[in-house]
């Protein structure tokens, strides 16, 4: 970290911005295996929140790797750096009063906890999109599991790289054989019932 720097306090801050927006800023962090539907669910959930007048922003794993994290690969070291950057960006959005949705495999619990620890209590909402590996492999929307099984991709989460399933997520969204829309509605209701949106 650089030295000789001092944090400057501003009169317009997270509280004043969130009061003006009439919402509680949070990070709703969707984690799960590739193919579990995180991006689809985050997109549908953001639409529901938007329709309710909430100001939101969605950070998606693939999209972020086109810019901010375009210099990173999928080694464990770069995965950690990817989530560190995302966490810092999410914190800035929360400071602006916005509800942030993220859709990242984010395989390591320590990395998700890093984001949680950057924020105030109840500002980090971990959503475990719990879909069995066999279902994710069957879906394989990007053909990545097939490539990983054929040895074309290394360090693929769930195949030859570990995934730390959340131990105590705020929301445990278990797999059901239903449409994405039905799952998003179920997620919305779970978050709403817990007072998290």
N, C-alpha and C. Protein backbone atom coordinates (compact mmCIF):
# COMPACT_ATOMS: atom_id res chain seq x y z
N UNK A 1 0.84 -1.19 0.00
CA UNK A 1 0.00 0.00 0.00
C UNK A 1 0.88 1.25 0.00
N UNK A 2 0.43 2.26 -0.70
CA UNK A 2 1.19 3.51 -0.76
C UNK A 2 1.24 4.16 0.62
N UNK A 3 2.29 4.91 0.87
CA UNK A 3 2.42 5.62 2.14
C UNK A 3 2.10 7.09 1.92
N UNK A 4 2.02 7.83 3.00
CA UNK A 4 1.75 9.28 2.96
C UNK A 4 0.41 9.61 2.31
N UNK A 5 -0.58 8.77 2.58
CA UNK A 5 -1.94 9.06 2.10
C UNK A 5 -2.87 9.15 3.30
N UNK A 6 -3.85 10.02 3.20
CA UNK A 6 -4.80 10.25 4.30
C UNK A 6 -6.20 10.18 3.72
N UNK A 7 -7.11 9.49 4.43
CA UNK A 7 -8.50 9.40 3.99
C UNK A 7 -9.18 10.75 4.19
N UNK A 8 -9.81 11.27 3.15
CA UNK A 8 -10.49 12.55 3.23
C UNK A 8 -11.99 12.32 3.40
N UNK A 9 -12.57 12.86 4.47
CA UNK A 9 -14.00 12.70 4.71
C UNK A 9 -14.77 13.77 3.94
N UNK A 10 -15.89 13.34 3.34
CA UNK A 10 -16.72 14.24 2.55
C UNK A 10 -18.07 14.43 3.23
N UNK A 11 -18.68 15.58 3.00
CA UNK A 11 -19.97 15.87 3.63
C UNK A 11 -21.09 15.02 3.03
N UNK A 12 -21.03 14.79 1.73
CA UNK A 12 -22.00 13.88 1.10
C UNK A 12 -21.40 12.49 1.21
N UNK A 13 -22.09 11.61 1.92
CA UNK A 13 -21.52 10.29 2.22
C UNK A 13 -22.54 9.19 1.96
N UNK A 14 -22.19 7.98 2.35
CA UNK A 14 -23.07 6.83 2.10
C UNK A 14 -24.46 7.05 2.70
N UNK A 15 -24.50 7.57 3.91
CA UNK A 15 -25.79 7.77 4.58
C UNK A 15 -26.64 8.79 3.84
N UNK A 16 -26.05 9.92 3.47
CA UNK A 16 -26.83 10.94 2.78
C UNK A 16 -27.29 10.45 1.41
N UNK A 17 -26.43 9.71 0.73
CA UNK A 17 -26.81 9.20 -0.59
C UNK A 17 -27.90 8.14 -0.48
N UNK A 18 -27.77 7.21 0.47
CA UNK A 18 -28.79 6.16 0.60
C UNK A 18 -30.11 6.75 1.09
N UNK A 19 -30.06 7.77 1.94
CA UNK A 19 -31.29 8.46 2.37
C UNK A 19 -32.00 9.09 1.17
N UNK A 20 -31.22 9.72 0.31
CA UNK A 20 -31.81 10.37 -0.87
C UNK A 20 -32.45 9.34 -1.80
N UNK A 21 -31.79 8.17 -1.92
CA UNK A 21 -32.31 7.11 -2.79
C UNK A 21 -33.44 6.33 -2.13
N UNK A 22 -33.56 6.43 -0.82
CA UNK A 22 -34.61 5.71 -0.10
C UNK A 22 -34.41 4.20 -0.12
N UNK A 23 -33.15 3.78 -0.01
CA UNK A 23 -32.88 2.35 0.00
C UNK A 23 -31.64 2.06 0.84
N UNK A 24 -31.54 0.83 1.28
CA UNK A 24 -30.38 0.38 2.04
C UNK A 24 -29.39 -0.23 1.04
N UNK A 25 -28.20 0.37 0.89
CA UNK A 25 -27.24 -0.21 -0.05
C UNK A 25 -26.71 -1.54 0.47
N UNK A 26 -26.55 -2.47 -0.44
CA UNK A 26 -26.05 -3.80 -0.09
C UNK A 26 -25.31 -4.40 -1.27
N UNK A 27 -24.54 -5.44 -0.95
CA UNK A 27 -23.98 -6.31 -1.98
C UNK A 27 -24.72 -7.63 -1.88
N UNK A 28 -25.41 -8.00 -2.93
CA UNK A 28 -26.06 -9.32 -2.99
C UNK A 28 -25.16 -10.18 -3.86
N UNK A 29 -24.39 -11.05 -3.20
CA UNK A 29 -23.29 -11.79 -3.83
C UNK A 29 -23.75 -13.21 -4.16
N UNK A 30 -24.02 -13.46 -5.44
CA UNK A 30 -24.41 -14.81 -5.88
C UNK A 30 -23.15 -15.61 -6.18
N UNK A 31 -23.02 -16.75 -5.51
CA UNK A 31 -21.88 -17.63 -5.71
C UNK A 31 -22.40 -19.04 -6.01
N UNK A 32 -21.66 -19.77 -6.81
CA UNK A 32 -22.02 -21.14 -7.17
C UNK A 32 -21.17 -21.59 -8.34
N UNK A 33 -21.30 -22.83 -8.69
CA UNK A 33 -20.52 -23.40 -9.78
C UNK A 33 -20.87 -22.76 -11.13
N UNK A 34 -19.96 -22.89 -12.07
CA UNK A 34 -20.24 -22.47 -13.44
C UNK A 34 -21.45 -23.25 -13.94
N UNK A 35 -22.39 -22.55 -14.56
CA UNK A 35 -23.59 -23.21 -15.06
C UNK A 35 -24.71 -23.31 -14.05
N UNK A 36 -24.51 -22.77 -12.85
CA UNK A 36 -25.56 -22.84 -11.83
C UNK A 36 -26.67 -21.83 -12.08
N UNK A 37 -26.42 -20.86 -12.95
CA UNK A 37 -27.45 -19.88 -13.29
C UNK A 37 -27.29 -18.54 -12.59
N UNK A 38 -26.13 -18.29 -12.02
CA UNK A 38 -25.89 -17.04 -11.27
C UNK A 38 -26.18 -15.79 -12.10
N UNK A 39 -25.62 -15.72 -13.29
CA UNK A 39 -25.78 -14.52 -14.13
C UNK A 39 -27.24 -14.33 -14.53
N UNK A 40 -27.89 -15.41 -14.91
CA UNK A 40 -29.30 -15.34 -15.29
C UNK A 40 -30.15 -14.88 -14.12
N UNK A 41 -29.91 -15.46 -12.94
CA UNK A 41 -30.68 -15.09 -11.75
C UNK A 41 -30.42 -13.65 -11.34
N UNK A 42 -29.15 -13.24 -11.38
CA UNK A 42 -28.81 -11.86 -11.02
C UNK A 42 -29.50 -10.88 -11.95
N UNK A 43 -29.52 -11.20 -13.24
CA UNK A 43 -30.18 -10.35 -14.22
C UNK A 43 -31.68 -10.24 -13.94
N UNK A 44 -32.33 -11.37 -13.68
CA UNK A 44 -33.77 -11.37 -13.40
C UNK A 44 -34.08 -10.67 -12.08
N UNK A 45 -33.22 -10.88 -11.08
CA UNK A 45 -33.42 -10.22 -9.78
C UNK A 45 -33.23 -8.71 -9.92
N UNK A 46 -32.22 -8.29 -10.68
CA UNK A 46 -32.02 -6.86 -10.87
C UNK A 46 -33.23 -6.23 -11.54
N UNK A 47 -33.81 -6.92 -12.51
CA UNK A 47 -35.01 -6.39 -13.19
C UNK A 47 -36.15 -6.20 -12.19
N UNK A 48 -36.34 -7.17 -11.29
CA UNK A 48 -37.40 -7.06 -10.28
C UNK A 48 -37.15 -5.87 -9.35
N UNK A 49 -35.90 -5.69 -8.93
CA UNK A 49 -35.57 -4.57 -8.05
C UNK A 49 -35.73 -3.24 -8.78
N UNK A 50 -35.30 -3.21 -10.04
CA UNK A 50 -35.44 -2.00 -10.86
C UNK A 50 -36.92 -1.63 -11.00
N UNK A 51 -37.76 -2.63 -11.23
CA UNK A 51 -39.20 -2.38 -11.37
C UNK A 51 -39.81 -1.84 -10.09
N UNK A 52 -39.15 -2.10 -8.97
CA UNK A 52 -39.61 -1.57 -7.68
C UNK A 52 -39.02 -0.20 -7.37
N UNK A 53 -38.26 0.35 -8.30
CA UNK A 53 -37.70 1.67 -8.10
C UNK A 53 -36.34 1.68 -7.41
N UNK A 54 -35.71 0.53 -7.27
CA UNK A 54 -34.39 0.46 -6.63
C UNK A 54 -33.30 0.81 -7.64
N UNK A 55 -32.28 1.52 -7.15
CA UNK A 55 -31.12 1.80 -8.00
C UNK A 55 -30.11 0.69 -7.76
N UNK A 56 -29.78 -0.02 -8.84
CA UNK A 56 -28.94 -1.21 -8.74
C UNK A 56 -27.81 -1.15 -9.76
N UNK A 57 -26.84 -2.05 -9.56
CA UNK A 57 -25.82 -2.28 -10.57
C UNK A 57 -25.39 -3.73 -10.48
N UNK A 58 -25.27 -4.38 -11.62
CA UNK A 58 -24.90 -5.79 -11.68
C UNK A 58 -23.47 -5.95 -12.18
N UNK A 59 -22.64 -6.59 -11.36
CA UNK A 59 -21.28 -6.94 -11.74
C UNK A 59 -21.27 -8.43 -12.06
N UNK A 60 -20.97 -8.75 -13.31
CA UNK A 60 -20.99 -10.14 -13.76
C UNK A 60 -19.58 -10.62 -14.07
N UNK A 61 -19.30 -11.86 -13.71
CA UNK A 61 -17.96 -12.41 -13.85
C UNK A 61 -17.34 -12.27 -15.23
N UNK A 62 -18.01 -12.73 -16.26
CA UNK A 62 -17.46 -12.65 -17.62
C UNK A 62 -17.34 -11.20 -18.07
N UNK A 63 -18.34 -10.39 -17.77
CA UNK A 63 -18.31 -8.99 -18.22
C UNK A 63 -17.14 -8.23 -17.60
N UNK A 64 -16.88 -8.46 -16.32
CA UNK A 64 -15.80 -7.76 -15.64
C UNK A 64 -14.44 -8.16 -16.21
N UNK A 65 -14.35 -9.41 -16.68
CA UNK A 65 -13.07 -9.87 -17.25
C UNK A 65 -12.83 -9.31 -18.65
N UNK A 66 -13.79 -8.59 -19.20
CA UNK A 66 -13.56 -7.90 -20.47
C UNK A 66 -12.87 -6.56 -20.26
N UNK A 67 -12.82 -6.08 -19.01
CA UNK A 67 -12.23 -4.77 -18.75
C UNK A 67 -11.37 -4.75 -17.51
N UNK A 68 -11.99 -4.45 -16.39
CA UNK A 68 -11.29 -4.28 -15.12
C UNK A 68 -10.34 -5.43 -14.80
N UNK A 69 -10.75 -6.64 -15.09
CA UNK A 69 -9.94 -7.82 -14.76
C UNK A 69 -9.48 -8.57 -16.00
N UNK A 70 -9.39 -7.85 -17.11
CA UNK A 70 -8.99 -8.46 -18.38
C UNK A 70 -7.56 -8.98 -18.40
N UNK A 71 -6.76 -8.56 -17.44
CA UNK A 71 -5.36 -8.99 -17.39
C UNK A 71 -5.15 -10.24 -16.53
N UNK A 72 -6.23 -10.81 -16.02
CA UNK A 72 -6.14 -11.95 -15.11
C UNK A 72 -6.53 -13.25 -15.79
N UNK A 73 -5.88 -14.35 -15.37
CA UNK A 73 -6.29 -15.67 -15.87
C UNK A 73 -7.09 -16.38 -14.77
N UNK A 74 -7.16 -17.69 -14.83
CA UNK A 74 -7.98 -18.42 -13.86
C UNK A 74 -7.15 -19.24 -12.88
N UNK A 75 -5.88 -18.87 -12.71
CA UNK A 75 -5.07 -19.49 -11.66
C UNK A 75 -5.65 -19.09 -10.31
N UNK A 76 -5.33 -19.84 -9.28
CA UNK A 76 -5.84 -19.50 -7.94
C UNK A 76 -5.43 -18.09 -7.55
N UNK A 77 -4.19 -17.72 -7.85
CA UNK A 77 -3.68 -16.38 -7.50
C UNK A 77 -4.51 -15.30 -8.20
N UNK A 78 -4.79 -15.48 -9.48
CA UNK A 78 -5.55 -14.47 -10.21
C UNK A 78 -7.02 -14.47 -9.84
N UNK A 79 -7.54 -15.62 -9.45
CA UNK A 79 -8.93 -15.66 -8.97
C UNK A 79 -9.07 -14.81 -7.71
N UNK A 80 -8.09 -14.91 -6.82
CA UNK A 80 -8.09 -14.11 -5.60
C UNK A 80 -8.05 -12.63 -5.94
N UNK A 81 -7.17 -12.25 -6.87
CA UNK A 81 -7.06 -10.84 -7.26
C UNK A 81 -8.34 -10.37 -7.95
N UNK A 82 -8.95 -11.21 -8.75
CA UNK A 82 -10.22 -10.89 -9.41
C UNK A 82 -11.27 -10.50 -8.37
N UNK A 83 -11.43 -11.33 -7.36
CA UNK A 83 -12.44 -11.08 -6.34
C UNK A 83 -12.05 -9.89 -5.46
N UNK A 84 -10.76 -9.69 -5.23
CA UNK A 84 -10.33 -8.51 -4.46
C UNK A 84 -10.76 -7.23 -5.19
N UNK A 85 -10.51 -7.18 -6.49
CA UNK A 85 -10.89 -5.99 -7.27
C UNK A 85 -12.40 -5.79 -7.26
N UNK A 86 -13.13 -6.88 -7.47
CA UNK A 86 -14.60 -6.80 -7.48
C UNK A 86 -15.12 -6.32 -6.14
N UNK A 87 -14.52 -6.82 -5.08
CA UNK A 87 -14.94 -6.43 -3.72
C UNK A 87 -14.75 -4.93 -3.50
N UNK A 88 -13.63 -4.41 -3.95
CA UNK A 88 -13.37 -2.98 -3.78
C UNK A 88 -14.33 -2.15 -4.62
N UNK A 89 -14.63 -2.60 -5.83
CA UNK A 89 -15.61 -1.90 -6.67
C UNK A 89 -17.00 -1.96 -6.04
N UNK A 90 -17.37 -3.14 -5.53
CA UNK A 90 -18.67 -3.29 -4.89
C UNK A 90 -18.79 -2.35 -3.69
N UNK A 91 -17.71 -2.22 -2.94
CA UNK A 91 -17.71 -1.32 -1.78
C UNK A 91 -17.97 0.12 -2.22
N UNK A 92 -17.37 0.53 -3.34
CA UNK A 92 -17.60 1.88 -3.85
C UNK A 92 -19.07 2.08 -4.24
N UNK A 93 -19.66 1.07 -4.87
CA UNK A 93 -21.07 1.18 -5.23
C UNK A 93 -21.95 1.28 -3.99
N UNK A 94 -21.64 0.49 -2.96
CA UNK A 94 -22.40 0.57 -1.71
C UNK A 94 -22.26 1.96 -1.12
N UNK A 95 -21.05 2.52 -1.16
CA UNK A 95 -20.82 3.87 -0.65
C UNK A 95 -21.65 4.90 -1.41
N UNK A 96 -21.96 4.60 -2.68
CA UNK A 96 -22.78 5.52 -3.48
C UNK A 96 -24.27 5.35 -3.20
N UNK A 97 -24.63 4.36 -2.36
CA UNK A 97 -26.03 4.14 -2.02
C UNK A 97 -26.73 3.12 -2.88
N UNK A 98 -26.00 2.47 -3.75
CA UNK A 98 -26.58 1.55 -4.73
C UNK A 98 -26.63 0.12 -4.18
N UNK A 99 -27.62 -0.64 -4.63
CA UNK A 99 -27.69 -2.07 -4.35
C UNK A 99 -26.90 -2.78 -5.46
N UNK A 100 -25.86 -3.49 -5.07
CA UNK A 100 -24.98 -4.15 -6.03
C UNK A 100 -25.30 -5.64 -6.07
N UNK A 101 -25.47 -6.18 -7.25
CA UNK A 101 -25.61 -7.62 -7.42
C UNK A 101 -24.35 -8.12 -8.09
N UNK A 102 -23.81 -9.23 -7.60
CA UNK A 102 -22.64 -9.82 -8.24
C UNK A 102 -22.94 -11.26 -8.60
N UNK A 103 -22.38 -11.70 -9.71
CA UNK A 103 -22.52 -13.08 -10.16
C UNK A 103 -21.13 -13.59 -10.50
N UNK A 104 -20.50 -14.24 -9.51
CA UNK A 104 -19.14 -14.76 -9.65
C UNK A 104 -19.08 -16.15 -9.03
N UNK A 105 -18.35 -17.04 -9.67
CA UNK A 105 -18.12 -18.34 -9.04
C UNK A 105 -17.53 -18.10 -7.66
N UNK A 106 -16.56 -17.21 -7.57
CA UNK A 106 -15.89 -16.86 -6.31
C UNK A 106 -15.71 -18.11 -5.44
N UNK A 107 -14.81 -19.02 -5.88
CA UNK A 107 -14.75 -20.35 -5.27
C UNK A 107 -14.21 -20.41 -3.85
N UNK A 108 -13.52 -19.37 -3.41
CA UNK A 108 -12.88 -19.46 -2.09
C UNK A 108 -13.63 -18.65 -1.04
N UNK A 109 -13.95 -19.30 0.07
CA UNK A 109 -14.67 -18.64 1.15
C UNK A 109 -13.90 -17.43 1.68
N UNK A 110 -12.58 -17.54 1.75
CA UNK A 110 -11.78 -16.42 2.26
C UNK A 110 -11.96 -15.17 1.41
N UNK A 111 -12.13 -15.34 0.10
CA UNK A 111 -12.32 -14.19 -0.78
C UNK A 111 -13.69 -13.55 -0.59
N UNK A 112 -14.71 -14.39 -0.43
CA UNK A 112 -16.05 -13.84 -0.17
C UNK A 112 -16.07 -13.14 1.18
N UNK A 113 -15.38 -13.71 2.15
CA UNK A 113 -15.28 -13.08 3.48
C UNK A 113 -14.52 -11.76 3.40
N UNK A 114 -13.56 -11.67 2.48
CA UNK A 114 -12.83 -10.41 2.30
C UNK A 114 -13.82 -9.30 1.96
N UNK A 115 -14.73 -9.56 1.03
CA UNK A 115 -15.73 -8.55 0.66
C UNK A 115 -16.64 -8.25 1.84
N UNK A 116 -17.09 -9.27 2.52
CA UNK A 116 -17.95 -9.08 3.69
C UNK A 116 -17.28 -8.15 4.71
N UNK A 117 -15.99 -8.36 4.93
CA UNK A 117 -15.28 -7.58 5.94
C UNK A 117 -14.98 -6.15 5.52
N UNK A 118 -15.11 -5.85 4.23
CA UNK A 118 -14.96 -4.47 3.76
C UNK A 118 -16.18 -3.62 4.08
N UNK A 119 -17.31 -4.29 4.33
CA UNK A 119 -18.59 -3.61 4.46
C UNK A 119 -19.08 -3.60 5.89
N UNK A 120 -20.10 -2.80 6.13
CA UNK A 120 -20.72 -2.78 7.44
C UNK A 120 -21.62 -4.00 7.62
N UNK A 121 -22.01 -4.25 8.85
CA UNK A 121 -22.86 -5.40 9.15
C UNK A 121 -24.15 -5.32 8.34
N UNK A 122 -24.55 -6.43 7.79
CA UNK A 122 -25.77 -6.61 6.99
C UNK A 122 -25.71 -5.97 5.61
N UNK A 123 -24.55 -5.46 5.20
CA UNK A 123 -24.43 -4.91 3.85
C UNK A 123 -23.99 -5.98 2.84
N UNK A 124 -23.49 -7.09 3.33
CA UNK A 124 -23.06 -8.19 2.45
C UNK A 124 -24.05 -9.33 2.60
N UNK A 125 -24.66 -9.72 1.49
CA UNK A 125 -25.66 -10.79 1.49
C UNK A 125 -25.14 -11.90 0.58
N UNK A 126 -24.70 -12.99 1.19
CA UNK A 126 -24.17 -14.11 0.41
C UNK A 126 -25.33 -15.03 0.01
N UNK A 127 -25.46 -15.24 -1.29
CA UNK A 127 -26.50 -16.12 -1.83
C UNK A 127 -25.81 -17.31 -2.47
N UNK A 128 -26.01 -18.48 -1.89
CA UNK A 128 -25.42 -19.70 -2.43
C UNK A 128 -26.39 -20.32 -3.42
N UNK A 129 -26.06 -20.23 -4.70
CA UNK A 129 -26.87 -20.84 -5.76
C UNK A 129 -26.40 -22.30 -5.85
N UNK A 130 -27.08 -23.14 -5.11
CA UNK A 130 -26.66 -24.52 -4.87
C UNK A 130 -27.26 -25.46 -5.91
N UNK A 131 -26.50 -25.65 -6.97
CA UNK A 131 -26.92 -26.55 -8.05
C UNK A 131 -25.87 -27.65 -8.14
N UNK A 132 -26.28 -28.93 -8.12
CA UNK A 132 -25.32 -30.03 -8.17
C UNK A 132 -24.42 -29.97 -9.41
N UNK A 133 -23.20 -30.43 -9.23
CA UNK A 133 -22.23 -30.45 -10.33
C UNK A 133 -22.79 -31.17 -11.55
N UNK A 134 -23.46 -32.29 -11.35
CA UNK A 134 -24.00 -33.06 -12.48
C UNK A 134 -24.99 -32.23 -13.29
N UNK A 135 -25.79 -31.41 -12.63
CA UNK A 135 -26.76 -30.56 -13.33
C UNK A 135 -26.02 -29.46 -14.09
N UNK A 136 -25.01 -28.85 -13.44
CA UNK A 136 -24.22 -27.80 -14.11
C UNK A 136 -23.52 -28.36 -15.34
N UNK A 137 -22.97 -29.58 -15.20
CA UNK A 137 -22.29 -30.20 -16.35
C UNK A 137 -23.26 -30.50 -17.48
N UNK A 138 -24.46 -30.91 -17.12
CA UNK A 138 -25.46 -31.22 -18.15
C UNK A 138 -25.87 -29.93 -18.88
N UNK A 139 -26.01 -28.85 -18.14
CA UNK A 139 -26.35 -27.57 -18.76
C UNK A 139 -25.20 -27.09 -19.64
N UNK A 140 -24.02 -26.98 -19.06
CA UNK A 140 -22.77 -26.58 -19.72
C UNK A 140 -23.01 -25.53 -20.82
N UNK A 141 -23.59 -24.36 -20.48
CA UNK A 141 -23.97 -23.39 -21.50
C UNK A 141 -22.81 -22.85 -22.34
N UNK A 142 -21.60 -22.88 -21.80
CA UNK A 142 -20.45 -22.34 -22.53
C UNK A 142 -19.53 -23.45 -23.05
N UNK A 143 -19.91 -24.70 -22.79
CA UNK A 143 -19.07 -25.82 -23.22
C UNK A 143 -17.78 -25.96 -22.43
N UNK A 144 -17.73 -25.33 -21.25
CA UNK A 144 -16.49 -25.32 -20.46
C UNK A 144 -16.24 -26.63 -19.73
N UNK A 145 -17.30 -27.27 -19.25
CA UNK A 145 -17.11 -28.55 -18.56
C UNK A 145 -16.55 -29.59 -19.52
N UNK A 146 -17.07 -29.61 -20.72
CA UNK A 146 -16.59 -30.56 -21.72
C UNK A 146 -15.10 -30.33 -21.99
N UNK A 147 -14.71 -29.05 -22.12
CA UNK A 147 -13.30 -28.72 -22.34
C UNK A 147 -12.46 -29.12 -21.13
N UNK A 148 -12.97 -28.89 -19.94
CA UNK A 148 -12.23 -29.24 -18.72
C UNK A 148 -12.05 -30.75 -18.62
N UNK A 149 -13.10 -31.50 -18.92
CA UNK A 149 -13.02 -32.96 -18.87
C UNK A 149 -12.06 -33.51 -19.93
N UNK A 150 -11.93 -32.78 -21.04
CA UNK A 150 -11.01 -33.20 -22.11
C UNK A 150 -9.59 -32.69 -21.90
N UNK A 151 -9.38 -31.98 -20.79
CA UNK A 151 -8.05 -31.47 -20.48
C UNK A 151 -7.67 -30.21 -21.23
N UNK A 152 -8.64 -29.58 -21.90
CA UNK A 152 -8.37 -28.36 -22.66
C UNK A 152 -8.33 -27.13 -21.76
N UNK A 153 -8.98 -27.21 -20.60
CA UNK A 153 -8.99 -26.12 -19.62
C UNK A 153 -8.48 -26.69 -18.30
N UNK A 154 -7.53 -25.98 -17.70
CA UNK A 154 -7.00 -26.39 -16.39
C UNK A 154 -7.57 -25.47 -15.31
N UNK A 155 -7.50 -25.95 -14.07
CA UNK A 155 -7.95 -25.17 -12.91
C UNK A 155 -9.42 -24.78 -13.03
N UNK A 156 -10.24 -25.71 -13.48
CA UNK A 156 -11.67 -25.42 -13.65
C UNK A 156 -12.42 -25.81 -12.37
N UNK A 157 -13.14 -24.86 -11.81
CA UNK A 157 -13.83 -25.07 -10.54
C UNK A 157 -14.79 -26.24 -10.62
N UNK A 158 -14.68 -27.13 -9.64
CA UNK A 158 -15.55 -28.29 -9.57
C UNK A 158 -14.96 -29.52 -10.24
N UNK A 159 -13.95 -29.30 -11.11
CA UNK A 159 -13.31 -30.41 -11.80
C UNK A 159 -11.91 -30.63 -11.24
N UNK A 160 -10.99 -29.68 -11.47
CA UNK A 160 -9.65 -29.83 -10.91
C UNK A 160 -9.24 -28.63 -10.07
N UNK A 161 -10.21 -27.83 -9.66
CA UNK A 161 -9.99 -26.74 -8.72
C UNK A 161 -11.16 -26.74 -7.74
N UNK A 162 -10.88 -26.47 -6.49
CA UNK A 162 -11.90 -26.61 -5.44
C UNK A 162 -12.92 -25.48 -5.45
N UNK A 163 -14.08 -25.79 -4.88
CA UNK A 163 -15.11 -24.80 -4.62
C UNK A 163 -15.50 -24.93 -3.15
N UNK A 164 -15.31 -23.85 -2.40
CA UNK A 164 -15.71 -23.82 -0.99
C UNK A 164 -17.16 -23.39 -0.92
N UNK A 165 -18.05 -24.36 -0.72
CA UNK A 165 -19.47 -24.02 -0.59
C UNK A 165 -19.66 -23.16 0.65
N UNK A 166 -20.49 -22.13 0.57
CA UNK A 166 -20.72 -21.28 1.74
C UNK A 166 -21.20 -22.09 2.94
N UNK A 167 -20.65 -21.76 4.08
CA UNK A 167 -20.99 -22.47 5.32
C UNK A 167 -22.27 -21.91 5.92
N UNK A 168 -22.42 -20.60 5.92
CA UNK A 168 -23.58 -19.98 6.55
C UNK A 168 -24.05 -18.78 5.73
N UNK A 169 -24.52 -19.02 4.49
CA UNK A 169 -24.95 -17.89 3.65
C UNK A 169 -26.24 -17.29 4.18
N UNK A 170 -26.45 -16.03 3.86
CA UNK A 170 -27.72 -15.40 4.25
C UNK A 170 -28.88 -16.09 3.53
N UNK A 171 -28.64 -16.52 2.30
CA UNK A 171 -29.67 -17.23 1.53
C UNK A 171 -29.05 -18.46 0.88
N UNK A 172 -29.64 -19.61 1.14
CA UNK A 172 -29.23 -20.87 0.52
C UNK A 172 -30.31 -21.23 -0.49
N UNK A 173 -30.03 -20.95 -1.76
CA UNK A 173 -31.00 -21.19 -2.83
C UNK A 173 -30.74 -22.57 -3.41
N UNK A 174 -31.50 -23.55 -2.95
CA UNK A 174 -31.30 -24.93 -3.37
C UNK A 174 -31.94 -25.18 -4.74
N UNK A 175 -31.31 -26.08 -5.48
CA UNK A 175 -31.76 -26.41 -6.83
C UNK A 175 -33.15 -27.04 -6.83
N UNK A 176 -33.97 -26.58 -7.76
CA UNK A 176 -35.24 -27.22 -8.08
C UNK A 176 -35.33 -27.25 -9.60
N UNK A 177 -35.94 -28.27 -10.14
CA UNK A 177 -36.11 -28.37 -11.58
C UNK A 177 -37.27 -27.46 -11.98
N UNK A 178 -36.93 -26.20 -12.24
CA UNK A 178 -37.94 -25.19 -12.55
C UNK A 178 -37.32 -24.16 -13.50
N UNK A 179 -38.13 -23.27 -14.00
CA UNK A 179 -37.63 -22.24 -14.92
C UNK A 179 -36.77 -21.23 -14.17
N UNK A 180 -35.94 -20.53 -14.92
CA UNK A 180 -35.11 -19.48 -14.32
C UNK A 180 -35.99 -18.41 -13.68
N UNK A 181 -37.10 -18.11 -14.33
CA UNK A 181 -38.01 -17.10 -13.80
C UNK A 181 -38.58 -17.52 -12.45
N UNK A 182 -38.94 -18.80 -12.34
CA UNK A 182 -39.48 -19.31 -11.06
C UNK A 182 -38.41 -19.28 -9.97
N UNK A 183 -37.18 -19.61 -10.35
CA UNK A 183 -36.08 -19.58 -9.38
C UNK A 183 -35.81 -18.15 -8.94
N UNK A 184 -35.84 -17.21 -9.88
CA UNK A 184 -35.62 -15.80 -9.54
C UNK A 184 -36.71 -15.28 -8.62
N UNK A 185 -37.93 -15.71 -8.88
CA UNK A 185 -39.05 -15.32 -8.01
C UNK A 185 -38.85 -15.88 -6.61
N UNK A 186 -38.38 -17.12 -6.52
CA UNK A 186 -38.11 -17.76 -5.23
C UNK A 186 -37.00 -17.01 -4.50
N UNK A 187 -35.95 -16.62 -5.24
CA UNK A 187 -34.85 -15.86 -4.64
C UNK A 187 -35.34 -14.51 -4.15
N UNK A 188 -36.10 -13.82 -4.96
CA UNK A 188 -36.64 -12.52 -4.57
C UNK A 188 -37.44 -12.65 -3.28
N UNK A 189 -38.29 -13.67 -3.20
CA UNK A 189 -39.12 -13.87 -2.01
C UNK A 189 -38.28 -14.20 -0.78
N UNK A 190 -37.24 -15.03 -0.95
CA UNK A 190 -36.37 -15.36 0.18
C UNK A 190 -35.66 -14.10 0.70
N UNK A 191 -35.15 -13.29 -0.20
CA UNK A 191 -34.49 -12.04 0.20
C UNK A 191 -35.48 -11.08 0.86
N UNK A 192 -36.65 -10.97 0.29
CA UNK A 192 -37.67 -10.07 0.81
C UNK A 192 -38.13 -10.53 2.19
N UNK A 193 -38.37 -11.83 2.36
CA UNK A 193 -38.83 -12.35 3.65
C UNK A 193 -37.82 -12.11 4.76
N UNK A 194 -36.54 -12.07 4.40
CA UNK A 194 -35.49 -11.85 5.39
C UNK A 194 -35.17 -10.37 5.57
N UNK A 195 -35.90 -9.50 4.84
CA UNK A 195 -35.68 -8.07 4.96
C UNK A 195 -34.36 -7.60 4.35
N UNK A 196 -33.90 -8.30 3.33
CA UNK A 196 -32.58 -8.01 2.75
C UNK A 196 -32.68 -7.17 1.47
N UNK A 197 -33.90 -6.90 1.01
CA UNK A 197 -34.06 -6.03 -0.17
C UNK A 197 -35.18 -5.03 0.10
